[in-house]
Amino acid sequence: MQNANKPFKQFYTEAEAAMLLGISLTRLRDLMDEHIFNDGTERPVGLRLQSPDIVLLRYWALGTVSPKVLLMPKRV
């Protein structure tokens, strides 16, 4: 994900995260709404993401199913 020639960033905006993932901002927000903000809370304004967040979002964006990953039940 990170290029060795580019400096590491501590935080990414939603737009930067979508660009890193190669998906639209709408798709990124849909992923976050489906997997993170699915208990009725709204996405915070000015949300900043870190590298581990990007990794998890990439996993969800690719839709990869792995027997090594335990899926948590959706909140109601």
N, C-alpha and C. Protein backbone atom coordinates (compact mmCIF):
# COMPACT_ATOMS: atom_id res chain seq x y z
N MET A 1 0.83 -1.18 0.00
CA MET A 1 0.00 0.00 0.00
C MET A 1 0.88 1.25 0.00
N GLN A 2 1.80 1.36 0.94
CA GLN A 2 2.68 2.52 0.97
C GLN A 2 3.86 2.29 0.04
N ASN A 3 4.23 3.30 -0.69
CA ASN A 3 5.40 3.25 -1.54
C ASN A 3 6.59 3.69 -0.71
N ALA A 4 7.71 2.97 -0.78
CA ALA A 4 8.89 3.28 0.03
C ALA A 4 9.45 4.66 -0.29
N ASN A 5 9.12 5.19 -1.46
CA ASN A 5 9.62 6.51 -1.85
C ASN A 5 8.76 7.65 -1.34
N LYS A 6 7.58 7.33 -0.82
CA LYS A 6 6.67 8.36 -0.34
C LYS A 6 6.71 8.41 1.18
N PRO A 7 6.59 9.60 1.76
CA PRO A 7 6.58 9.68 3.23
C PRO A 7 5.30 9.08 3.80
N PHE A 8 5.42 8.52 4.98
CA PHE A 8 4.30 7.91 5.68
C PHE A 8 3.42 9.01 6.27
N LYS A 9 2.12 8.86 6.12
CA LYS A 9 1.17 9.81 6.71
C LYS A 9 0.53 9.15 7.92
N GLN A 10 0.32 9.93 8.95
CA GLN A 10 -0.32 9.40 10.14
C GLN A 10 -1.84 9.32 9.97
N PHE A 11 -2.43 10.31 9.31
CA PHE A 11 -3.87 10.34 9.11
C PHE A 11 -4.20 10.61 7.65
N TYR A 12 -5.33 10.05 7.19
CA TYR A 12 -5.81 10.24 5.83
C TYR A 12 -7.24 10.76 5.87
N THR A 13 -7.56 11.65 4.97
CA THR A 13 -8.94 12.10 4.82
C THR A 13 -9.71 10.99 4.11
N GLU A 14 -11.02 11.11 4.11
CA GLU A 14 -11.84 10.12 3.39
C GLU A 14 -11.48 10.10 1.91
N ALA A 15 -11.26 11.27 1.33
CA ALA A 15 -10.93 11.35 -0.10
C ALA A 15 -9.58 10.68 -0.37
N GLU A 16 -8.60 10.91 0.49
CA GLU A 16 -7.29 10.28 0.32
C GLU A 16 -7.39 8.76 0.48
N ALA A 17 -8.19 8.31 1.44
CA ALA A 17 -8.36 6.88 1.65
C ALA A 17 -9.03 6.23 0.43
N ALA A 18 -10.05 6.87 -0.11
CA ALA A 18 -10.72 6.34 -1.29
C ALA A 18 -9.74 6.25 -2.46
N MET A 19 -8.91 7.26 -2.61
CA MET A 19 -7.93 7.25 -3.70
C MET A 19 -6.91 6.12 -3.50
N LEU A 20 -6.44 5.94 -2.27
CA LEU A 20 -5.50 4.85 -1.98
C LEU A 20 -6.12 3.49 -2.29
N LEU A 21 -7.39 3.35 -1.99
CA LEU A 21 -8.08 2.08 -2.21
C LEU A 21 -8.53 1.88 -3.65
N GLY A 22 -8.52 2.95 -4.42
CA GLY A 22 -8.96 2.86 -5.81
C GLY A 22 -10.47 2.71 -5.93
N ILE A 23 -11.20 3.30 -4.98
CA ILE A 23 -12.66 3.25 -5.01
C ILE A 23 -13.20 4.67 -4.90
N SER A 24 -14.47 4.82 -5.19
CA SER A 24 -15.08 6.15 -5.09
C SER A 24 -15.31 6.52 -3.63
N LEU A 25 -15.46 7.79 -3.38
CA LEU A 25 -15.76 8.27 -2.04
C LEU A 25 -17.10 7.72 -1.56
N THR A 26 -18.04 7.61 -2.47
CA THR A 26 -19.35 7.04 -2.14
C THR A 26 -19.21 5.59 -1.69
N ARG A 27 -18.40 4.81 -2.43
CA ARG A 27 -18.17 3.41 -2.08
C ARG A 27 -17.50 3.30 -0.72
N LEU A 28 -16.52 4.16 -0.45
CA LEU A 28 -15.84 4.17 0.85
C LEU A 28 -16.84 4.42 1.97
N ARG A 29 -17.68 5.41 1.79
CA ARG A 29 -18.68 5.74 2.81
C ARG A 29 -19.69 4.62 2.99
N ASP A 30 -20.06 3.96 1.89
CA ASP A 30 -20.96 2.81 1.98
C ASP A 30 -20.32 1.69 2.81
N LEU A 31 -19.04 1.43 2.59
CA LEU A 31 -18.32 0.40 3.35
C LEU A 31 -18.29 0.75 4.83
N MET A 32 -18.00 2.01 5.14
CA MET A 32 -17.96 2.42 6.54
C MET A 32 -19.34 2.33 7.18
N ASP A 33 -20.38 2.71 6.45
CA ASP A 33 -21.74 2.63 6.99
C ASP A 33 -22.16 1.18 7.21
N GLU A 34 -21.72 0.30 6.33
CA GLU A 34 -22.09 -1.12 6.44
C GLU A 34 -21.35 -1.82 7.57
N HIS A 35 -20.06 -1.51 7.73
CA HIS A 35 -19.23 -2.28 8.65
C HIS A 35 -18.85 -1.57 9.94
N ILE A 36 -18.90 -0.25 9.97
CA ILE A 36 -18.44 0.47 11.16
C ILE A 36 -19.58 1.24 11.83
N PHE A 37 -20.20 2.11 11.08
CA PHE A 37 -21.26 2.96 11.64
C PHE A 37 -22.62 2.33 11.39
N ASN A 38 -22.76 1.08 11.84
CA ASN A 38 -23.99 0.33 11.56
C ASN A 38 -24.87 0.17 12.78
N ASP A 39 -24.62 0.99 13.80
CA ASP A 39 -25.45 0.91 15.01
C ASP A 39 -26.34 2.14 15.18
N GLY A 40 -26.50 2.89 14.10
CA GLY A 40 -27.36 4.07 14.15
C GLY A 40 -26.60 5.37 14.33
N THR A 41 -25.30 5.29 14.67
CA THR A 41 -24.51 6.51 14.80
C THR A 41 -24.11 7.00 13.41
N GLU A 42 -23.94 8.30 13.30
CA GLU A 42 -23.55 8.88 12.01
C GLU A 42 -22.04 9.00 11.93
N ARG A 43 -21.55 8.98 10.70
CA ARG A 43 -20.12 9.20 10.47
C ARG A 43 -19.75 10.60 10.94
N PRO A 44 -18.68 10.74 11.71
CA PRO A 44 -18.27 12.08 12.15
C PRO A 44 -17.85 12.95 10.97
N VAL A 45 -18.10 14.24 11.08
CA VAL A 45 -17.65 15.18 10.06
C VAL A 45 -16.14 15.32 10.21
N GLY A 46 -15.42 15.36 9.12
CA GLY A 46 -13.96 15.51 9.17
C GLY A 46 -13.26 14.26 9.65
N LEU A 47 -13.84 13.11 9.37
CA LEU A 47 -13.27 11.83 9.80
C LEU A 47 -11.86 11.66 9.24
N ARG A 48 -10.94 11.22 10.08
CA ARG A 48 -9.56 10.92 9.68
C ARG A 48 -9.31 9.44 9.89
N LEU A 49 -8.67 8.81 8.93
CA LEU A 49 -8.40 7.38 8.99
C LEU A 49 -6.90 7.14 9.14
N GLN A 50 -6.54 6.05 9.80
CA GLN A 50 -5.15 5.66 9.94
C GLN A 50 -4.88 4.44 9.07
N SER A 51 -3.61 4.08 8.95
CA SER A 51 -3.22 2.95 8.09
C SER A 51 -3.97 1.66 8.41
N PRO A 52 -4.13 1.27 9.68
CA PRO A 52 -4.90 0.05 9.96
C PRO A 52 -6.34 0.13 9.47
N ASP A 53 -6.92 1.32 9.52
CA ASP A 53 -8.27 1.51 8.99
C ASP A 53 -8.31 1.24 7.49
N ILE A 54 -7.28 1.72 6.79
CA ILE A 54 -7.20 1.54 5.34
C ILE A 54 -7.08 0.06 5.00
N VAL A 55 -6.28 -0.67 5.78
CA VAL A 55 -6.11 -2.10 5.55
C VAL A 55 -7.44 -2.82 5.69
N LEU A 56 -8.18 -2.52 6.74
CA LEU A 56 -9.47 -3.16 6.96
C LEU A 56 -10.47 -2.78 5.88
N LEU A 57 -10.48 -1.53 5.49
CA LEU A 57 -11.37 -1.09 4.41
C LEU A 57 -11.03 -1.76 3.09
N ARG A 58 -9.73 -1.98 2.85
CA ARG A 58 -9.32 -2.69 1.63
C ARG A 58 -9.88 -4.11 1.64
N TYR A 59 -9.81 -4.77 2.80
CA TYR A 59 -10.34 -6.13 2.93
C TYR A 59 -11.82 -6.15 2.58
N TRP A 60 -12.56 -5.19 3.16
CA TRP A 60 -14.00 -5.14 2.88
C TRP A 60 -14.28 -4.77 1.44
N ALA A 61 -13.49 -3.87 0.87
CA ALA A 61 -13.71 -3.43 -0.51
C ALA A 61 -13.49 -4.57 -1.51
N LEU A 62 -12.53 -5.43 -1.21
CA LEU A 62 -12.25 -6.55 -2.11
C LEU A 62 -13.26 -7.67 -1.96
N GLY A 63 -13.96 -7.69 -0.83
CA GLY A 63 -14.96 -8.73 -0.61
C GLY A 63 -14.35 -10.10 -0.44
N THR A 64 -13.10 -10.15 -0.02
CA THR A 64 -12.39 -11.41 0.15
C THR A 64 -12.94 -12.17 1.34
N VAL A 65 -13.29 -13.42 1.12
CA VAL A 65 -13.75 -14.27 2.20
C VAL A 65 -12.62 -15.22 2.56
N SER A 66 -12.29 -15.28 3.83
CA SER A 66 -11.20 -16.14 4.28
C SER A 66 -11.66 -16.96 5.47
N PRO A 67 -11.34 -18.25 5.49
CA PRO A 67 -11.72 -19.07 6.65
C PRO A 67 -10.95 -18.67 7.90
N LYS A 68 -9.90 -17.88 7.75
CA LYS A 68 -9.08 -17.46 8.90
C LYS A 68 -9.63 -16.21 9.58
N VAL A 69 -10.65 -15.60 9.00
CA VAL A 69 -11.21 -14.37 9.55
C VAL A 69 -12.58 -14.67 10.12
N LEU A 70 -12.76 -14.33 11.38
CA LEU A 70 -14.05 -14.51 12.05
C LEU A 70 -14.90 -13.28 11.82
N LEU A 71 -16.03 -13.42 11.19
CA LEU A 71 -16.92 -12.29 10.94
C LEU A 71 -17.80 -12.06 12.16
N MET A 72 -17.89 -10.81 12.57
CA MET A 72 -18.70 -10.44 13.70
C MET A 72 -20.15 -10.24 13.23
N PRO A 73 -21.10 -10.58 14.07
CA PRO A 73 -22.49 -10.35 13.68
C PRO A 73 -22.79 -8.87 13.60
N LYS A 74 -23.72 -8.52 12.73
CA LYS A 74 -24.12 -7.12 12.59
C LYS A 74 -24.87 -6.68 13.83
N ARG A 75 -24.66 -5.43 14.20
CA ARG A 75 -25.37 -4.87 15.35
C ARG A 75 -26.81 -4.55 14.96
N VAL A 76 -27.70 -4.66 15.90
CA VAL A 76 -29.09 -4.34 15.62
C VAL A 76 -29.53 -3.10 16.33
